[in-house]
């Protein structure tokens, strides 16, 4: 047996096809959790002589996603009954809970309904977490306009009872230090700010040994962080994914080179061949010797690449992409210039090239 229970409406660019992204579906699960906890609170408030709700009070309460209707995305949540009767005592409290949540969301700041317990406001850390800045969730009310939950409203609801609130976070930076005992690491964000402590998933342990303390390795952490009322990140509390990019400076450079089009140089200039660029990038990124400073890589008007190092002797490499012929040159004072040519046609030739650079370009910090 089932009966319609509530039909919220999601509005935003992601919902124009009348579908519901999976991460937004988590908001509906968080809504059900809050419904249950609030219903239990309301029952105990009405029955102060009891220490707990009756056995089976929540056992038969199950919300199902029945369908998604047009009008952006309007998921119909249906109450599926097993032993619970429509109009029964428990069901009355779930209906009250539904209506009170809507009134709480709709209430002006500082004027929350007296019936809504402040200790349950923390559930809005999960309900509405997936909403982006241009999105909103509308919850029907018995009378009047629907209650509108936006990221800002969700933030204010949580901060009404706490000093921090939770929202998704994405950090990009270098792993400065690893704490193996506490299973955490510190990341220095590339956009500035202080060090941030991040929980370390077991799957990242081996990678942490590689990239910890090495400036050429950049990591991007996606998860959940706590923020204060000024939207300053306090800490990362949950990690969903970590991507590691070795030699990220080289990777960024090759990404920029791929964007070049013919005529890039004052109306002249041949764009580098993208297939050859990918081949060279694959040989260099993650394999370039730690002992050699990363070169500046610039395109030439002929469609080739020039590697330059700002170090003793002004070493440079002219790389012709058509045949992967690399010509090295460096000034060496009275003993004469150093010149060497490589044809980088295979793994052995690249290894010899890197070994030569170690010997003639100098060392850098790992």
Protein backbone atom coordinates (compact mmCIF):
# COMPACT_ATOMS: atom_id res chain seq x y z
CA UNK A 1 0.00 0.00 0.00
CA UNK A 2 1.28 3.47 -0.80
CA UNK A 3 0.25 7.10 -0.71
CA UNK A 4 1.86 10.33 -2.00
CA UNK A 5 3.78 12.04 0.81
CA UNK A 6 5.67 15.04 -0.57
CA UNK A 7 6.85 16.34 -3.94
CA UNK A 8 9.74 18.81 -3.74
CA UNK A 9 10.89 20.71 -6.81
CA UNK A 10 14.50 21.17 -7.88
CA UNK A 11 15.31 24.15 -10.06
CA UNK A 12 18.54 24.88 -11.90
CA UNK A 13 20.39 24.10 -15.12
CA UNK A 14 20.98 20.46 -14.13
CA UNK A 15 17.24 19.79 -13.84
CA UNK A 16 15.96 21.17 -17.14
CA UNK A 17 15.75 17.66 -18.63
CA UNK A 18 13.45 16.62 -15.77
CA UNK A 19 16.03 14.18 -14.42
CA UNK A 20 17.64 13.96 -11.00
CA UNK A 21 21.45 13.67 -10.69
CA UNK A 22 22.53 10.90 -8.36
CA UNK A 23 24.32 13.26 -5.98
CA UNK A 24 21.08 15.22 -5.58
CA UNK A 25 19.26 12.01 -4.74
CA UNK A 26 21.37 11.91 -1.59
CA UNK A 27 19.52 15.03 -0.47
CA UNK A 28 16.28 13.06 -0.55
CA UNK A 29 17.82 10.36 1.63
CA UNK A 30 18.97 13.08 4.06
CA UNK A 31 15.44 14.51 4.01
CA UNK A 32 14.03 11.13 5.07
CA UNK A 33 16.53 10.89 7.95
CA UNK A 34 15.53 14.34 9.20
CA UNK A 35 11.84 13.43 8.88
CA UNK A 36 12.32 10.38 11.08
CA UNK A 37 14.39 12.16 13.72
CA UNK A 38 11.98 15.09 13.90
CA UNK A 39 8.95 12.78 14.13
CA UNK A 40 10.55 10.97 17.06
CA UNK A 41 11.30 14.29 18.75
CA UNK A 42 7.71 15.50 18.30
CA UNK A 43 6.30 12.28 19.75
CA UNK A 44 8.53 12.39 22.82
CA UNK A 45 7.71 16.07 23.32
CA UNK A 46 4.01 15.17 23.40
CA UNK A 47 4.65 12.21 25.71
CA UNK A 48 7.13 13.43 28.35
CA UNK A 49 6.46 10.33 30.43
CA UNK A 50 8.19 8.17 27.80
CA UNK A 51 11.93 7.74 27.32
CA UNK A 52 11.66 6.37 23.79
CA UNK A 53 9.16 6.08 20.98
CA UNK A 54 6.96 2.95 20.81
CA UNK A 55 8.47 -0.15 19.29
CA UNK A 56 7.96 -0.15 15.55
CA UNK A 57 7.33 3.60 15.44
CA UNK A 58 9.69 4.07 12.50
CA UNK A 59 9.89 0.49 11.20
CA UNK A 60 7.12 0.92 8.64
CA UNK A 61 8.06 4.39 7.45
CA UNK A 62 9.67 4.11 4.03
CA UNK A 63 9.84 6.85 1.42
CA UNK A 64 10.18 5.69 -2.18
CA UNK A 65 11.00 7.72 -5.27
CA UNK A 66 7.86 7.06 -7.26
CA UNK A 67 8.51 9.19 -10.35
CA UNK A 68 10.02 12.48 -11.54
CA UNK A 69 7.53 14.91 -13.07
CA UNK A 70 8.11 17.88 -15.36
CA UNK A 71 8.58 21.39 -14.03
CA UNK A 72 12.36 21.30 -13.74
CA UNK A 73 12.64 18.11 -11.65
CA UNK A 74 9.78 17.21 -9.31
CA UNK A 75 10.45 13.87 -7.63
CA UNK A 76 7.33 12.39 -6.06
CA UNK A 77 8.18 10.75 -2.74
CA UNK A 78 5.63 8.10 -1.88
CA UNK A 79 5.06 6.64 1.56
CA UNK A 80 5.01 2.86 1.24
CA UNK A 81 3.15 1.12 4.02
CA UNK A 82 3.75 -2.32 5.45
CA UNK A 83 1.92 -2.46 8.76
CA UNK A 84 1.44 1.28 9.28
CA UNK A 85 -2.11 2.53 8.70
CA UNK A 86 -2.88 5.81 7.01
CA UNK A 87 -4.04 8.18 9.70
CA UNK A 88 -2.37 6.12 12.43
CA UNK A 89 -0.61 7.71 15.38
CA UNK A 90 2.90 7.36 13.95
CA UNK A 91 1.86 8.63 10.54
CA UNK A 92 0.43 11.80 12.10
CA UNK A 93 3.87 12.60 13.51
CA UNK A 94 5.57 12.03 10.17
CA UNK A 95 3.12 14.42 8.54
CA UNK A 96 3.75 16.99 11.26
CA UNK A 97 7.48 16.49 10.74
CA UNK A 98 7.11 17.07 6.99
CA UNK A 99 5.18 20.31 7.50
CA UNK A 100 7.52 21.56 10.23
CA UNK A 101 10.60 21.06 8.06
CA UNK A 102 9.00 23.19 5.37
CA UNK A 103 8.13 25.92 7.89
CA UNK A 104 11.68 25.83 9.25
CA UNK A 105 13.15 26.35 5.78
CA UNK A 106 10.67 29.13 5.02
CA UNK A 107 11.13 30.98 8.32
CA UNK A 108 13.05 34.29 8.33
CA UNK A 109 16.52 34.21 9.87
CA UNK A 110 16.31 34.23 13.64
CA UNK A 111 12.62 33.27 13.67
CA UNK A 112 12.65 29.48 13.46
CA UNK A 113 9.51 27.64 14.61
CA UNK A 114 9.58 26.97 18.35
CA UNK A 115 8.69 23.32 17.75
CA UNK A 116 11.81 22.70 15.68
CA UNK A 117 14.68 21.60 17.97
CA UNK A 118 17.97 23.40 17.42
CA UNK A 119 19.91 20.18 17.82
CA UNK A 120 18.41 18.87 14.57
CA UNK A 121 19.53 21.83 12.48
CA UNK A 122 22.80 20.01 11.85
CA UNK A 123 20.89 17.70 9.48
CA UNK A 124 20.95 20.54 6.96
CA UNK A 125 24.66 19.80 6.61
CA UNK A 126 23.42 16.89 4.49
CA UNK A 127 20.04 18.06 3.23
CA UNK A 128 20.80 20.40 0.35
CA UNK A 129 24.55 19.75 0.32
CA UNK A 130 24.53 18.92 -3.39
CA UNK A 131 22.86 22.20 -4.39
CA UNK A 132 25.02 24.50 -6.47
CA UNK A 133 24.93 28.32 -6.18
CA UNK A 134 22.36 28.66 -8.99
CA UNK A 135 20.09 25.86 -7.73
CA UNK A 136 17.31 25.53 -5.21
CA UNK A 137 15.00 22.94 -3.69
CA UNK A 138 11.38 23.95 -3.14
CA UNK A 139 9.44 22.12 -0.44
CA UNK A 140 5.61 22.38 -0.51
CA UNK A 141 3.83 24.02 2.43
CA UNK A 142 0.24 23.61 3.56
CA UNK A 143 -0.50 27.27 2.99
CA UNK A 144 1.35 29.88 0.98
CA UNK A 145 4.41 29.76 -1.25
CA UNK A 146 6.77 26.78 -1.06
CA UNK A 147 9.78 26.83 1.25
CA UNK A 148 12.95 27.49 -0.74
CA UNK A 149 16.20 25.82 0.25
CA UNK A 150 19.30 27.34 -1.34
CA UNK A 151 22.97 26.85 -0.44
CA UNK A 152 22.89 30.15 1.47
CA UNK A 153 19.70 29.23 3.34
CA UNK A 154 21.13 25.82 4.22
CA UNK A 155 24.26 27.52 5.56
CA UNK A 156 22.22 29.90 7.73
CA UNK A 157 20.10 27.09 9.15
CA UNK A 158 23.17 25.14 10.30
CA UNK A 159 24.88 28.24 11.69
CA UNK A 160 21.79 29.01 13.75
CA UNK A 161 22.94 26.20 16.05
CA UNK A 162 26.66 25.83 15.33
CA UNK A 163 29.74 27.88 14.49
CA UNK A 164 30.58 25.95 11.33
CA UNK A 165 28.70 24.32 8.49
CA UNK A 166 29.61 21.66 5.94
CA UNK A 167 29.79 21.88 2.17
CA UNK A 168 31.68 20.23 -0.68
CA UNK A 169 35.31 21.22 -1.05
CA UNK A 170 37.91 20.82 -3.77
CA UNK A 171 41.52 21.60 -2.89
CA UNK A 172 44.47 21.62 -5.25
CA UNK A 173 48.01 21.90 -3.99
CA UNK A 174 51.15 20.12 -2.81
CA UNK A 175 51.38 17.50 -0.09
CA UNK A 176 53.74 19.13 2.39
CA UNK A 177 53.83 16.56 5.17
CA UNK A 178 52.31 13.15 5.95
CA UNK A 179 51.35 12.02 9.45
CA UNK A 180 51.38 8.23 9.22
CA UNK A 181 50.26 7.73 12.83
CA UNK A 182 47.12 9.87 12.43
CA UNK A 183 46.55 8.91 8.76
CA UNK A 184 46.43 12.54 7.64
CA UNK A 185 48.44 14.78 5.36
CA UNK A 186 48.89 18.52 5.03
CA UNK A 187 48.23 20.24 1.74
CA UNK A 188 49.37 23.71 0.73
CA UNK A 189 46.68 25.09 -1.62
CA UNK A 190 47.94 26.63 -4.83
CA UNK A 191 45.55 29.57 -4.40
CA UNK A 192 47.21 30.63 -1.14
CA UNK A 193 46.23 30.35 2.49
CA UNK A 194 47.62 28.20 5.25
CA UNK A 195 48.18 24.48 5.40
CA UNK A 196 45.05 22.29 5.48
CA UNK A 197 44.94 18.92 7.24
CA UNK A 198 43.23 16.21 5.19
CA UNK A 199 42.15 12.70 6.28
CA UNK A 200 44.13 10.12 4.31
CA UNK A 201 42.19 7.22 2.75
CA UNK A 202 43.93 3.84 2.81
CA UNK A 203 43.96 3.81 -0.99
CA UNK A 204 46.16 6.93 -0.99
CA UNK A 205 48.87 5.57 1.34
CA UNK A 206 51.17 4.36 -1.44
CA UNK A 207 50.72 7.60 -3.40
CA UNK A 208 51.48 9.67 -0.31
CA UNK A 209 54.91 8.06 -0.10
CA UNK A 210 55.58 9.23 -3.65
CA UNK A 211 54.27 12.78 -3.61
CA UNK A 212 54.79 13.80 0.01
CA UNK A 213 57.15 16.77 0.20
CA UNK A 214 57.75 16.87 -3.57
CA UNK A 215 56.78 20.15 -5.17
CA UNK A 216 56.44 18.71 -8.66
CA UNK A 217 53.50 16.56 -7.56
CA UNK A 218 50.12 18.23 -7.31
CA UNK A 219 47.05 16.63 -5.78
CA UNK A 220 43.39 17.56 -6.05
CA UNK A 221 41.22 16.55 -3.10
CA UNK A 222 37.44 16.35 -3.49
CA UNK A 223 35.35 15.89 -0.37
CA UNK A 224 33.54 17.75 2.38
CA UNK A 225 34.92 20.57 4.50
CA UNK A 226 33.71 22.64 7.42
CA UNK A 227 33.46 26.41 6.91
CA UNK A 228 32.80 29.28 9.28
CA UNK A 229 30.21 32.00 8.73
CA UNK A 230 32.74 33.93 6.60
CA UNK A 231 33.14 30.88 4.34
CA UNK A 232 36.68 30.24 5.48
CA UNK A 233 37.67 26.59 5.28
CA UNK A 234 38.39 25.18 8.74
CA UNK A 235 39.22 21.58 7.92
CA UNK A 236 38.46 18.71 5.58
CA UNK A 237 36.31 16.08 7.28
CA UNK A 238 35.60 13.69 4.42
CA UNK A 239 37.53 12.68 1.31
CA UNK A 240 35.71 11.27 -1.71
CA UNK A 241 38.51 11.31 -4.27
CA UNK A 242 42.16 12.28 -4.64
CA UNK A 243 43.79 12.83 -8.02
CA UNK A 244 47.57 13.01 -8.27
CA UNK A 245 49.37 14.80 -11.10
CA UNK A 246 53.15 14.33 -11.39
CA UNK A 247 55.09 17.14 -13.03
CA UNK A 248 51.94 19.24 -13.04
CA UNK A 249 53.85 22.26 -14.33
CA UNK A 250 54.74 20.31 -17.46
CA UNK A 251 51.18 19.03 -17.76
CA UNK A 252 49.83 22.58 -17.62
CA UNK A 253 52.32 23.73 -20.24
CA UNK A 254 51.37 20.98 -22.67
CA UNK A 255 47.68 21.72 -22.10
CA UNK A 256 48.34 25.32 -23.16
CA UNK A 257 50.36 24.24 -26.20
CA UNK A 258 47.49 22.04 -27.39
CA UNK A 259 45.27 25.12 -27.56
CA UNK A 260 47.47 26.92 -30.10
CA UNK A 261 46.04 27.41 -33.58
CA UNK A 262 47.80 28.29 -36.83
CA UNK A 263 48.58 31.99 -36.89
CA UNK A 264 49.20 32.16 -33.15
CA UNK A 265 52.32 34.30 -33.64
CA UNK A 266 51.15 37.72 -34.90
CA UNK A 267 49.13 36.09 -37.65
CA UNK A 268 51.95 33.73 -38.49
CA UNK A 269 53.21 30.65 -36.72
CA UNK A 270 52.37 26.98 -37.21
CA UNK A 271 50.55 25.27 -34.37
CA UNK A 272 52.44 22.26 -32.96
CA UNK A 273 51.12 18.90 -34.10
CA UNK A 274 48.79 17.72 -31.31
CA UNK A 275 49.55 14.03 -31.77
CA UNK A 276 53.28 14.70 -31.45
CA UNK A 277 52.65 16.95 -28.44
CA UNK A 278 50.77 14.12 -26.73
CA UNK A 279 53.63 11.74 -27.51
CA UNK A 280 56.26 14.07 -26.03
CA UNK A 281 54.07 14.87 -23.02
CA UNK A 282 53.63 11.17 -22.31
CA UNK A 283 57.39 10.63 -22.31
CA UNK A 284 58.13 13.63 -20.07
CA UNK A 285 55.29 13.90 -17.54
CA UNK A 286 55.99 11.59 -14.63
CA UNK A 287 59.36 10.58 -16.06
CA UNK A 288 61.35 13.81 -16.11
CA UNK A 289 64.36 13.46 -13.75
CA UNK A 290 63.94 15.04 -10.32
CA UNK A 291 67.57 16.12 -10.45
CA UNK A 292 66.99 18.35 -13.47
CA UNK A 293 65.13 21.68 -13.19
CA UNK A 294 61.96 21.77 -15.27
CA UNK A 295 62.55 23.72 -18.46
CA UNK A 296 60.49 26.54 -19.85
CA UNK A 297 58.86 25.12 -22.98
CA UNK A 298 57.93 27.58 -25.71
CA UNK A 299 56.62 27.00 -29.22
CA UNK A 300 58.54 28.16 -32.25
CA UNK A 301 56.93 29.78 -35.32
CA UNK A 302 57.86 26.66 -37.32
CA UNK A 303 55.65 24.45 -35.16
CA UNK A 304 58.41 22.99 -33.00
CA UNK A 305 59.41 23.33 -29.34
CA UNK A 306 62.25 25.07 -27.54
CA UNK A 307 63.30 23.96 -24.05
CA UNK A 308 65.22 26.55 -22.04
CA UNK A 309 66.85 26.46 -18.59
CA UNK A 310 67.79 29.54 -16.60
CA UNK A 311 70.99 28.11 -15.21
CA UNK A 312 74.73 28.08 -15.83
CA UNK A 313 75.55 27.84 -19.54
CA UNK A 314 72.01 28.75 -20.65
CA UNK A 315 71.29 25.20 -21.84
CA UNK A 316 68.54 24.72 -24.38
CA UNK A 317 67.03 22.02 -26.58
CA UNK A 318 65.48 22.53 -30.01
CA UNK A 319 62.95 19.74 -30.51
CA UNK A 320 61.67 19.16 -34.03
CA UNK A 321 58.32 17.44 -33.65
CA UNK A 322 58.21 15.92 -37.13
CA UNK A 323 61.07 13.47 -36.45
CA UNK A 324 61.55 14.04 -32.68
CA UNK A 325 65.11 15.23 -33.29
CA UNK A 326 66.43 17.06 -30.21
CA UNK A 327 69.48 19.31 -30.46
CA UNK A 328 71.10 20.29 -27.15
CA UNK A 329 73.31 23.34 -26.77
CA UNK A 330 74.98 24.98 -23.77
CA UNK A 331 77.80 27.50 -23.35
CA UNK A 332 80.80 26.11 -21.54
CA UNK A 333 83.27 28.98 -21.32
CA UNK A 334 86.87 28.40 -22.40
CA UNK A 335 86.39 24.66 -22.87
CA UNK A 336 83.96 25.26 -25.70
CA UNK A 337 80.25 24.83 -26.13
CA UNK A 338 78.46 21.56 -25.49
CA UNK A 339 76.34 20.22 -28.33
CA UNK A 340 74.58 16.89 -28.69
CA UNK A 341 71.82 15.53 -30.88
CA UNK A 342 69.27 12.88 -29.95
CA UNK A 343 66.58 11.18 -31.99
CA UNK A 344 63.91 10.42 -29.41
CA UNK A 345 62.32 7.50 -31.23
CA UNK A 346 62.02 5.08 -28.33
CA UNK A 347 62.31 4.46 -24.60
CA UNK A 348 66.08 3.88 -24.67
CA UNK A 349 66.70 7.16 -26.50
CA UNK A 350 64.58 9.07 -23.97
CA UNK A 351 66.50 7.43 -21.11
CA UNK A 352 69.81 8.46 -22.68
CA UNK A 353 68.46 11.98 -23.19
CA UNK A 354 67.40 12.30 -19.54
CA UNK A 355 70.76 10.91 -18.35
CA UNK A 356 72.55 13.51 -20.45
CA UNK A 357 70.42 16.30 -18.97
CA UNK A 358 71.27 15.14 -15.45
CA UNK A 359 74.95 15.43 -16.27
CA UNK A 360 74.90 18.74 -18.12
CA UNK A 361 71.97 20.84 -16.86
CA UNK A 362 72.45 20.57 -13.12
CA UNK A 363 70.37 19.42 -10.19
CA UNK A 364 67.20 20.66 -8.55
CA UNK A 365 65.35 19.82 -5.37
CA UNK A 366 63.16 16.75 -5.69
